[in-house]
Every structure is written in structure tokens, then in C-alpha cells.
Amino acid sequence: MVAELISVGTELLLGNIVNTNAAFLSREMAALGVLVYYQSTVGDNKDRLKEAVRVALLRSDLVILTGGLGPTRDDLTKEAVAEQLGLPLVEDEETKRAIAAYFKDQKKKSIPENNWKQAMVIQGANVLANHNGTAPGLLIEQEGKKIILLPGPPNEMVPMVKESVLPYLKEQSNEVLYSAMVKIAGMGESAVAMEIEDLIDKQTNPTIAPYAKTGEVHLRITAKADSLQEAKELVKPVVKELRKRFGIKIYTEEESETLEDVVVKLLLKHKLTLITAESCTAGLLTGRIVNVAGVSDVLKEGFITYTNKAKRKLLDVSKSTLKTYTAVSEQTAKEMVKGAAINGDADVAVSITGLAGPGGGTKDIPVGTVYIGCYANEKATVKHYIFSGNREKIRELSVVHALDLMRRCIISNYEK
């Protein structure tokens, strides 16, 4: 099945909001084995919307529109689709009752008159209940094509997709789809692609789809079969081969697990305490770690030592080290991580010191130079990196590599 996504809203074209809906729907379609060949964004203009729908129906089996289902005059998605399909809008009594119930639950004394516009639906459409708002979704089947209209707010759209759209699309296929996930840290997309080029070239079923993240690459392996067990058996040898090729670089095979989740899980498993010491990242690493539930049992404290004075005062980095080697050096990173561990009485510590730019670089220490230290089992390890990109990307890459270095140090020092 070939799908097309149409995002509706002038605010998207103006860049006032980020289009997270398209990213979410693309991921969900990929997991179902639905091919998304086209995406487009259209402003709140009926004629342009009609044209976008007309073109989409010529080249795609499934057209999903998000946005433009609100109560205001510039919410025109239903009207444009109805006109393009040659169908009238009719009042839906169930939706009307749902709107009244929603406002009652919100303890509103009156319902704005324009909200009743949302009770008008395209004739013959299946109405998709909205349990988080007043705009229902619509599903229309016409001449072998499927058109789905969804509300724009993600807190309404995402639940509706999970509750109604995905079960419907799964029923449309006689085949069962099964996906596995392999997440790799510390490698770029091009490096990963080179490692699996032969697998990609000859793939048919299952398929491998790479997704690049900052400092990470996620590989989704998807198989189609007549049964779930058969699909799982098709995926197994591919995952086994990926484990063989990437080894320790694979940090998880769980869909929802993050790198920081894995680090905290390892710390909890081995009953280890953690301290962070950050310079150029200024708390960004600690912020990632504290997102994980249960981290309060392992994280003792975090030092932000942005200046040389702070490094000396809080982490016991020697004045001679800073003068001889500078703050951005292997020696400084090592003294930072040792000082953090000893002063904070922690089992594991991590340090980051670097030059994120945009200015300040030299021939010997260019922008993007970062040293990351990890202290575990009374041993300090320091890694040197030269990252490319803007200030934000260099800092984010530093955090990812620091998390990955911690993961590796814990495994090598505490895993039997």
C-alpha cells in the first residue's frame, strides 16, 4: 500500500510550529509496512487543499490529512475533501452528543456556536471518536482509495491513530508484520551504512531501515509473513548478523529504551553511584540522565565547572595542568573525573571538557575538540573526539558519547 501525508495549516508553512505529526505518522506507517512516497504541507486555503487531495489520490492508495478540523472559519479540510470527492457534509448526531459531553466535562456553561461546525461530517464516512478534543476523525473509502482526516493537535491525533487508524490498517492486509529494533551508539549513519551495505543491497523480506539520530543510528528490521511466528523467524537471522557486526556498539534492542535508560539500568543493576562533571555541556548530560525513572537511587550530584577556577575549586584540577595543557585536554578531563569521584565519594564518574565554539579554536585545539573521561572501578579512561557541526550539535554529540563511554566502562569493569 502506498500512502501520502498531507499536513494542513498555514502555521506550518510559516514555521511557527514544528510538524511532529508527519514524523509520527511516517514512523507508524513504516512499522506497518505501508510505503510513504510523498508528503506535502498546505496552508488553510480550500482550492490548494482540493488540488493537493486530487493529486494525492492519483498516485497513492491511502491519503492521510492532519489539521484543519477545528471550529474556526479557516479550518477547511473537511470542506475541501468533501468537495473534491463530490460528497456533501451532513450532521452526525453521535458527534454532536460527544461535543456536548466534552464541554460538560470541561465544566463550560455554554458551547460556542462555531463548535457545532465540528459535528458536520462527510457523508458515508466512518467517524473516528476523539476522546481528547471536539474534532472527530473521518475515514472514507471511495473507488478503492482510502482517505483519513485527523485532528492537528498531537495530543488528539496520536491517540486517535493508535486507537482507530492502526487497527483499521492492520485489518486491510492479510499479511502479518513484525519489526525488531537495533540501536547503535557512537557511529554515524554513513559508517553504519557501509557496514551493512551488502545486507541492504540484497534485502527483500525482511528489510532494514536505518534512522539517523544525533550520535546514534537505529535499525528497524521488518518482515512480512502469513503468521507472527513466521515473521519473527525471518527477522531472527538478520538481528543475529547485526549483533555479530556491531557487537558492543549495540546498546539496546528495545524500541522505547534510550541510551540514558541503559546507563541507569546498569548502575542500578550493580548498585553503583554516579557523579557528573561537565564543562562545555554545562548540565546537558545530567539533564538527560535525570529524565530516567529511578535515577535518584544512583545519581549523587552533578558539577558544572565552566571556568578554570571552578575546575580547581570543585574538582581539584591542578593549576599546573590547566596552565600546561589547557582546560581542553586529556589531562584535565582525567583530573576532573577523578576529582569528581573522590570528592563526591561515587563509584562511577564522567567528565566532559571541550570547545563547542563557534569561536576560540586554534590549530592545536580546533572547535569541536572534546575530551570525555569515565572513572569506574578506580580506573580513569579518557577519550578524545573532534566533532563537526554547530555549537548545539557538538554539545549533543558530547552527551551521547559520554553516555556511551559510561555504558562501556560499566560493562567492562562490572559485568562478568
Protein backbone atom coordinates (compact mmCIF):
# COMPACT_ATOMS: atom_id res chain seq x y z
CA MET A 1 0.00 0.00 0.00
CA VAL A 2 1.33 3.45 -0.95
CA ALA A 3 0.44 6.32 1.38
CA GLU A 4 0.67 10.09 1.17
CA LEU A 5 0.62 12.53 4.07
CA ILE A 6 -0.89 16.00 3.76
CA SER A 7 -0.30 18.36 6.68
CA VAL A 8 -2.72 21.27 6.78
CA GLY A 9 -2.07 24.64 8.37
CA THR A 10 -0.59 27.99 7.42
CA GLU A 11 1.28 27.99 10.76
CA LEU A 12 3.30 25.02 9.49
CA LEU A 13 4.31 26.87 6.33
CA LEU A 14 5.34 29.91 8.37
CA GLY A 15 7.48 27.77 10.66
CA ASN A 16 5.52 28.78 13.75
CA ILE A 17 5.24 25.14 14.83
CA VAL A 18 7.27 22.03 14.06
CA ASN A 19 5.48 19.31 12.10
CA THR A 20 5.82 16.42 14.54
CA ASN A 21 2.64 14.83 13.17
CA ALA A 22 4.25 13.88 9.86
CA ALA A 23 7.26 12.34 11.63
CA PHE A 24 4.97 10.29 13.90
CA LEU A 25 2.77 9.08 11.04
CA SER A 26 5.78 8.19 8.87
CA ARG A 27 7.19 6.03 11.66
CA GLU A 28 3.86 4.30 12.21
CA MET A 29 3.38 3.67 8.50
CA ALA A 30 6.90 2.23 8.20
CA ALA A 31 6.20 -0.12 11.11
CA LEU A 32 3.10 -1.37 9.25
CA GLY A 33 4.99 -1.83 6.01
CA VAL A 34 3.00 0.99 4.36
CA LEU A 35 5.14 2.91 1.86
CA VAL A 36 5.08 6.70 2.27
CA TYR A 37 6.28 8.11 -1.05
CA TYR A 38 5.05 11.68 -0.70
CA GLN A 39 4.49 14.30 2.00
CA SER A 40 3.15 17.79 1.49
CA THR A 41 2.15 20.80 3.58
CA VAL A 42 -0.71 23.03 2.52
CA GLY A 43 -1.95 26.28 4.05
CA ASP A 44 -5.53 27.00 5.07
CA ASN A 45 -6.78 27.52 1.52
CA LYS A 46 -9.61 25.43 0.12
CA ASP A 47 -8.55 25.47 -3.53
CA ARG A 48 -4.97 24.46 -2.77
CA LEU A 49 -6.21 21.77 -0.41
CA LYS A 50 -8.52 20.34 -3.07
CA GLU A 51 -5.66 20.25 -5.55
CA ALA A 52 -3.37 18.51 -3.07
CA VAL A 53 -6.02 15.86 -2.42
CA ARG A 54 -6.69 15.40 -6.15
CA VAL A 55 -3.01 14.81 -6.91
CA ALA A 56 -2.56 12.54 -3.90
CA LEU A 57 -5.46 10.30 -4.95
CA LEU A 58 -3.95 9.86 -8.41
CA ARG A 59 -0.68 8.40 -7.08
CA SER A 60 -1.46 6.91 -3.66
CA ASP A 61 -3.77 4.26 -2.21
CA LEU A 62 -4.03 5.93 1.18
CA VAL A 63 -4.17 9.67 1.86
CA ILE A 64 -3.90 10.92 5.44
CA LEU A 65 -4.61 14.57 6.23
CA THR A 66 -3.86 16.17 9.59
CA GLY A 67 -5.15 19.53 10.76
CA GLY A 68 -7.88 21.90 9.66
CA LEU A 69 -10.73 20.17 11.52
CA GLY A 70 -11.24 22.88 14.13
CA PRO A 71 -14.25 25.15 14.68
CA THR A 72 -12.95 28.33 13.03
CA ARG A 73 -13.64 29.65 9.53
CA ASP A 74 -10.13 28.85 8.31
CA ASP A 75 -10.49 25.16 9.26
CA LEU A 76 -11.35 23.90 5.79
CA THR A 77 -10.05 20.34 5.49
CA LYS A 78 -13.43 18.60 5.65
CA GLU A 79 -14.97 21.05 3.23
CA ALA A 80 -12.12 20.73 0.72
CA VAL A 81 -12.08 16.93 0.82
CA ALA A 82 -15.88 16.72 0.57
CA GLU A 83 -15.92 18.97 -2.49
CA GLN A 84 -13.08 17.07 -4.15
CA LEU A 85 -14.87 13.75 -3.60
CA GLY A 86 -18.24 15.17 -4.66
CA LEU A 87 -19.86 14.37 -1.31
CA PRO A 88 -21.99 16.58 0.95
CA LEU A 89 -21.44 17.35 4.62
CA VAL A 90 -24.12 16.04 6.96
CA GLU A 91 -24.71 16.47 10.68
CA ASP A 92 -23.66 13.50 12.83
CA GLU A 93 -25.79 13.13 15.93
CA GLU A 94 -23.25 10.99 17.81
CA THR A 95 -20.54 13.61 17.27
CA LYS A 96 -22.94 16.34 18.37
CA ARG A 97 -23.60 14.46 21.64
CA ALA A 98 -19.85 13.92 22.10
CA ILE A 99 -19.17 17.66 21.71
CA ALA A 100 -21.86 18.48 24.28
CA ALA A 101 -20.42 15.89 26.69
CA TYR A 102 -16.90 17.26 26.22
CA PHE A 103 -17.92 20.79 27.18
CA LYS A 104 -19.91 19.46 30.13
CA ASP A 105 -16.83 17.59 31.37
CA GLN A 106 -14.84 20.82 30.99
CA LYS A 107 -17.49 22.50 33.17
CA LYS A 108 -18.23 25.09 30.49
CA LYS A 109 -21.51 26.95 30.93
CA SER A 110 -22.11 27.33 27.21
CA ILE A 111 -20.88 25.84 23.94
CA PRO A 112 -19.53 28.32 21.38
CA GLU A 113 -21.78 28.24 18.33
CA ASN A 114 -18.90 27.60 15.93
CA ASN A 115 -18.06 24.29 17.68
CA TRP A 116 -21.19 22.72 16.18
CA LYS A 117 -19.40 23.00 12.83
CA GLN A 118 -17.34 20.03 14.02
CA ALA A 119 -20.45 17.86 14.11
CA MET A 120 -20.68 18.10 10.32
CA VAL A 121 -19.05 15.08 8.66
CA ILE A 122 -18.56 13.87 5.10
CA GLN A 123 -21.49 11.71 4.03
CA GLY A 124 -20.69 7.99 4.22
CA ALA A 125 -17.53 8.47 6.29
CA ASN A 126 -16.70 6.34 9.29
CA VAL A 127 -16.42 8.72 12.22
CA LEU A 128 -13.37 8.24 14.47
CA ALA A 129 -14.08 9.22 18.06
CA ASN A 130 -11.91 11.92 19.61
CA HIS A 131 -11.57 11.31 23.37
CA ASN A 132 -9.27 14.28 23.84
CA GLY A 133 -11.00 17.07 21.95
CA THR A 134 -14.04 18.04 19.90
CA ALA A 135 -12.89 17.34 16.32
CA PRO A 136 -13.71 13.78 15.20
CA GLY A 137 -11.58 11.99 12.67
CA LEU A 138 -13.05 10.68 9.42
CA LEU A 139 -12.31 7.64 7.30
CA ILE A 140 -13.64 7.47 3.75
CA GLU A 141 -13.35 4.67 1.23
CA GLN A 142 -14.03 5.62 -2.40
CA GLU A 143 -13.17 3.74 -5.58
CA GLY A 144 -10.51 1.64 -3.92
CA LYS A 145 -8.86 4.64 -2.25
CA LYS A 146 -8.75 5.38 1.48
CA ILE A 147 -8.81 8.94 2.85
CA ILE A 148 -8.30 9.60 6.57
CA LEU A 149 -8.81 13.01 8.18
CA LEU A 150 -7.21 13.56 11.60
CA PRO A 151 -7.14 16.50 14.02
CA GLY A 152 -3.97 18.57 14.11
CA PRO A 153 -3.11 18.78 17.84
CA PRO A 154 -0.73 15.86 18.56
CA ASN A 155 -2.43 15.10 21.89
CA GLU A 156 -5.61 14.39 19.90
CA MET A 157 -4.09 12.94 16.72
CA VAL A 158 -1.70 10.40 18.28
CA PRO A 159 -4.30 8.64 20.49
CA MET A 160 -6.77 8.55 17.58
CA VAL A 161 -4.20 6.91 15.33
CA LYS A 162 -3.37 4.29 17.94
CA GLU A 163 -6.98 3.62 18.87
CA SER A 164 -8.63 3.66 15.45
CA VAL A 165 -6.33 4.10 12.45
CA LEU A 166 -3.67 1.46 13.12
CA PRO A 167 -6.19 -1.35 13.87
CA TYR A 168 -8.06 -0.44 10.69
CA LEU A 169 -4.92 -0.51 8.53
CA LYS A 170 -3.79 -3.80 10.03
CA GLU A 171 -7.11 -5.33 9.03
CA GLN A 172 -6.55 -4.24 5.42
CA SER A 173 -3.63 -6.64 4.99
CA ASN A 174 -3.71 -10.43 5.04
CA GLU A 175 -0.02 -10.43 5.97
CA VAL A 176 1.40 -10.08 9.45
CA LEU A 177 4.16 -7.53 10.03
CA TYR A 178 6.79 -7.88 12.72
CA SER A 179 9.57 -5.40 13.50
CA ALA A 180 12.69 -5.59 15.63
CA MET A 181 14.88 -2.67 16.63
CA VAL A 182 18.65 -2.46 16.95
CA LYS A 183 20.09 0.79 18.36
CA ILE A 184 23.75 1.65 17.81
CA ALA A 185 25.70 4.36 19.64
CA GLY A 186 28.92 6.10 18.74
CA MET A 187 28.68 5.61 14.96
CA GLY A 188 27.49 7.90 12.20
CA GLU A 189 24.88 6.95 9.63
CA SER A 190 27.39 6.62 6.78
CA ALA A 191 29.67 4.33 8.81
CA VAL A 192 26.75 2.08 9.75
CA ALA A 193 25.51 2.08 6.17
CA MET A 194 28.91 0.88 4.93
CA GLU A 195 28.87 -1.98 7.44
CA ILE A 196 25.51 -3.24 6.22
CA GLU A 197 25.70 -2.23 2.54
CA ASP A 198 25.64 -5.87 1.41
CA LEU A 199 22.57 -6.61 3.55
CA ILE A 200 20.73 -3.57 2.20
CA ASP A 201 21.60 -4.40 -1.43
CA LYS A 202 20.15 -7.91 -1.30
CA GLN A 203 17.25 -7.31 1.08
CA THR A 204 13.74 -8.30 0.09
CA ASN A 205 11.97 -9.69 3.15
CA PRO A 206 12.86 -8.73 5.82
CA THR A 207 14.02 -5.17 5.18
CA ILE A 208 16.42 -2.99 7.17
CA ALA A 209 15.55 0.69 7.55
CA PRO A 210 18.22 2.97 9.13
CA TYR A 211 17.18 6.04 11.12
CA ALA A 212 19.91 8.56 11.97
CA LYS A 213 19.88 10.27 15.35
CA THR A 214 22.47 12.59 16.88
CA GLY A 215 25.36 10.26 17.72
CA GLU A 216 23.21 7.19 17.13
CA VAL A 217 21.75 5.07 14.35
CA HIS A 218 18.62 2.97 14.82
CA LEU A 219 18.00 -0.01 12.55
CA ARG A 220 14.44 -1.28 12.15
CA ILE A 221 14.17 -4.81 10.75
CA THR A 222 10.70 -5.61 9.39
CA ALA A 223 9.36 -8.86 7.99
CA LYS A 224 6.05 -9.79 6.35
CA ALA A 225 4.61 -13.28 6.67
CA ASP A 226 1.40 -15.25 6.99
CA SER A 227 1.84 -15.58 10.75
CA LEU A 228 3.55 -13.70 13.56
CA GLN A 229 5.82 -16.64 14.34
CA GLU A 230 6.93 -16.92 10.73
CA ALA A 231 7.69 -13.17 10.61
CA LYS A 232 9.74 -13.44 13.81
CA GLU A 233 11.75 -16.33 12.35
CA LEU A 234 12.56 -14.22 9.28
CA VAL A 235 13.85 -11.38 11.46
CA LYS A 236 15.99 -13.52 13.79
CA PRO A 237 18.96 -14.24 11.48
CA VAL A 238 19.20 -10.58 10.43
CA VAL A 239 19.33 -9.39 14.04
CA LYS A 240 21.91 -12.10 14.79
CA GLU A 241 24.07 -10.86 11.91
CA LEU A 242 23.79 -7.26 13.12
CA ARG A 243 24.89 -8.32 16.61
CA LYS A 244 27.89 -10.06 15.06
CA ARG A 245 28.87 -6.97 13.05
CA PHE A 246 28.31 -4.25 15.64
CA GLY A 247 28.86 -6.05 18.95
CA ILE A 248 29.25 -3.70 21.93
CA LYS A 249 28.17 -0.74 19.78
CA ILE A 250 24.60 -2.04 20.09
CA TYR A 251 23.24 -0.60 23.32
CA THR A 252 19.68 -1.94 23.16
CA GLU A 253 17.17 -3.86 21.09
CA GLU A 254 14.19 -2.37 22.89
CA GLU A 255 12.02 0.01 20.88
CA SER A 256 11.44 2.58 23.61
CA GLU A 257 14.73 2.30 25.52
CA THR A 258 17.14 5.24 25.37
CA LEU A 259 20.89 5.35 25.95
CA GLU A 260 20.38 7.03 29.32
CA ASP A 261 17.85 4.33 30.25
CA VAL A 262 20.52 1.68 29.62
CA VAL A 263 23.16 3.54 31.66
CA VAL A 264 20.87 3.99 34.65
CA LYS A 265 19.75 0.37 34.42
CA LEU A 266 23.39 -0.78 34.56
CA LEU A 267 24.11 1.48 37.54
CA LEU A 268 21.07 0.12 39.38
CA LYS A 269 21.94 -3.47 38.50
CA HIS A 270 25.41 -3.19 40.02
CA LYS A 271 24.35 -0.85 42.86
CA LEU A 272 26.74 1.88 41.68
CA THR A 273 26.57 5.58 42.42
CA LEU A 274 27.26 8.28 39.83
CA ILE A 275 28.64 11.81 39.73
CA THR A 276 28.92 14.04 36.65
CA ALA A 277 31.42 16.81 35.97
CA GLU A 278 30.61 18.99 32.97
CA SER A 279 32.30 21.94 31.36
CA CYS A 280 31.22 22.66 27.75
CA THR A 281 27.93 20.75 28.13
CA ALA A 282 27.03 22.71 31.28
CA GLY A 283 24.49 20.26 32.71
CA LEU A 284 23.15 18.88 29.43
CA LEU A 285 24.40 15.37 30.29
CA THR A 286 22.95 15.43 33.79
CA GLY A 287 19.66 16.67 32.36
CA ARG A 288 19.46 13.62 30.10
CA ILE A 289 20.22 11.27 32.97
CA VAL A 290 17.63 12.71 35.36
CA ASN A 291 14.89 12.00 32.80
CA VAL A 292 15.13 8.33 33.77
CA ALA A 293 12.85 6.93 36.46
CA GLY A 294 14.81 5.52 39.40
CA VAL A 295 17.85 7.74 38.82
CA SER A 296 17.58 9.16 42.34
CA ASP A 297 18.93 5.84 43.62
CA VAL A 298 22.21 6.26 41.72
CA LEU A 299 22.90 9.92 40.91
CA LYS A 300 24.58 11.72 43.82
CA GLU A 301 25.33 15.12 42.31
CA GLY A 302 26.50 16.98 39.25
CA PHE A 303 29.26 19.56 38.94
CA ILE A 304 29.14 22.32 36.33
CA THR A 305 32.69 23.60 36.20
CA TYR A 306 32.66 26.01 33.28
CA THR A 307 35.66 28.06 34.38
CA ASN A 308 39.19 27.01 35.28
CA LYS A 309 38.63 28.39 38.78
CA ALA A 310 35.63 26.09 39.24
CA LYS A 311 37.63 23.11 37.98
CA ARG A 312 40.33 23.82 40.54
CA LYS A 313 37.98 24.57 43.42
CA LEU A 314 35.39 21.81 42.98
CA LEU A 315 37.32 19.03 41.22
CA ASP A 316 40.90 19.59 42.40
CA VAL A 317 42.23 20.05 38.86
CA SER A 318 45.76 21.35 39.37
CA LYS A 319 46.72 24.84 38.30
CA SER A 320 49.82 23.49 36.53
CA THR A 321 47.70 21.06 34.47
CA LEU A 322 45.43 23.86 33.27
CA LYS A 323 48.39 26.10 32.52
CA THR A 324 50.45 23.44 30.73
CA TYR A 325 47.75 21.51 28.86
CA THR A 326 44.74 23.93 28.94
CA ALA A 327 41.21 23.13 30.06
CA VAL A 328 40.54 21.23 26.83
CA SER A 329 42.93 18.33 27.25
CA GLU A 330 43.18 14.67 28.21
CA GLN A 331 44.96 15.58 31.42
CA THR A 332 42.22 17.97 32.52
CA ALA A 333 39.46 15.51 31.70
CA LYS A 334 41.24 12.84 33.75
CA GLU A 335 41.73 15.10 36.77
CA MET A 336 38.12 16.30 36.51
CA VAL A 337 36.70 12.79 36.59
CA LYS A 338 38.99 11.62 39.39
CA GLY A 339 38.26 14.71 41.43
CA ALA A 340 34.51 14.29 40.98
CA ALA A 341 34.58 10.63 42.01
CA ILE A 342 36.83 11.15 45.03
CA ASN A 343 35.28 14.38 46.31
CA GLY A 344 31.76 13.04 45.85
CA ASP A 345 32.55 9.50 47.02
CA ALA A 346 30.97 7.90 43.94
CA ASP A 347 31.62 4.55 42.24
CA VAL A 348 31.35 5.97 38.73
CA ALA A 349 32.04 9.46 37.42
CA VAL A 350 32.04 11.07 34.00
CA SER A 351 33.66 14.30 32.84
CA ILE A 352 33.28 16.40 29.70
CA THR A 353 35.55 19.26 28.70
CA GLY A 354 35.74 20.72 25.22
CA LEU A 355 35.44 23.60 22.80
CA ALA A 356 31.92 23.89 21.36
CA GLY A 357 32.58 27.15 19.51
CA PRO A 358 31.73 28.94 17.38
CA GLY A 359 34.91 30.87 18.24
CA GLY A 360 38.03 30.20 20.22
CA GLY A 361 39.51 27.42 18.14
CA THR A 362 43.21 27.14 17.35
CA LYS A 363 45.34 24.95 15.11
CA ASP A 364 46.09 22.63 18.02
CA ILE A 365 42.61 22.76 19.57
CA PRO A 366 40.03 23.29 16.81
CA VAL A 367 36.36 23.91 17.50
CA GLY A 368 34.70 20.56 18.17
CA THR A 369 37.57 19.17 20.25
CA VAL A 370 36.13 17.30 23.23
CA TYR A 371 37.65 15.08 25.90
CA ILE A 372 35.39 12.73 27.83
CA GLY A 373 36.53 10.89 30.93
CA CYS A 374 34.98 7.99 32.80
CA TYR A 375 36.02 6.73 36.23
CA ALA A 376 34.97 3.18 37.15
CA ASN A 377 36.47 0.53 39.41
CA GLU A 378 39.12 3.09 40.48
CA LYS A 379 40.37 3.48 36.89
CA ALA A 380 40.07 6.55 34.69
CA THR A 381 39.57 6.31 30.92
CA VAL A 382 39.66 9.36 28.65
CA LYS A 383 38.54 9.53 25.01
CA HIS A 384 39.38 12.29 22.55
CA TYR A 385 36.87 13.40 19.90
CA ILE A 386 36.72 16.07 17.23
CA PHE A 387 33.08 16.69 16.41
CA SER A 388 31.77 18.73 13.50
CA GLY A 389 28.69 20.90 13.42
CA ASN A 390 27.38 23.95 15.23
CA ARG A 391 27.63 24.61 18.96
CA GLU A 392 24.38 22.80 19.76
CA LYS A 393 25.31 19.68 17.81
CA ILE A 394 28.80 19.49 19.33
CA ARG A 395 27.31 19.62 22.82
CA GLU A 396 24.67 17.00 21.98
CA LEU A 397 27.27 14.69 20.45
CA SER A 398 29.39 15.10 23.57
CA VAL A 399 26.48 13.97 25.74
CA VAL A 400 25.75 10.90 23.61
CA HIS A 401 29.39 9.80 23.59
CA ALA A 402 29.66 10.41 27.34
CA LEU A 403 26.65 8.18 27.98
CA ASP A 404 28.08 5.53 25.68
CA LEU A 405 31.51 5.67 27.34
CA MET A 406 29.85 5.20 30.74
CA ARG A 407 27.91 2.23 29.41
CA ARG A 408 31.05 0.59 28.05
CA CYS A 409 33.11 1.27 31.18
CA ILE A 410 30.45 -0.22 33.45
CA ILE A 411 30.15 -3.31 31.26
CA SER A 412 33.93 -3.84 31.03
CA ASN A 413 34.53 -3.27 34.77
CA TYR A 414 31.48 -4.79 36.41
CA GLU A 415 29.85 -7.30 34.05
CA LYS A 416 31.07 -10.89 34.44
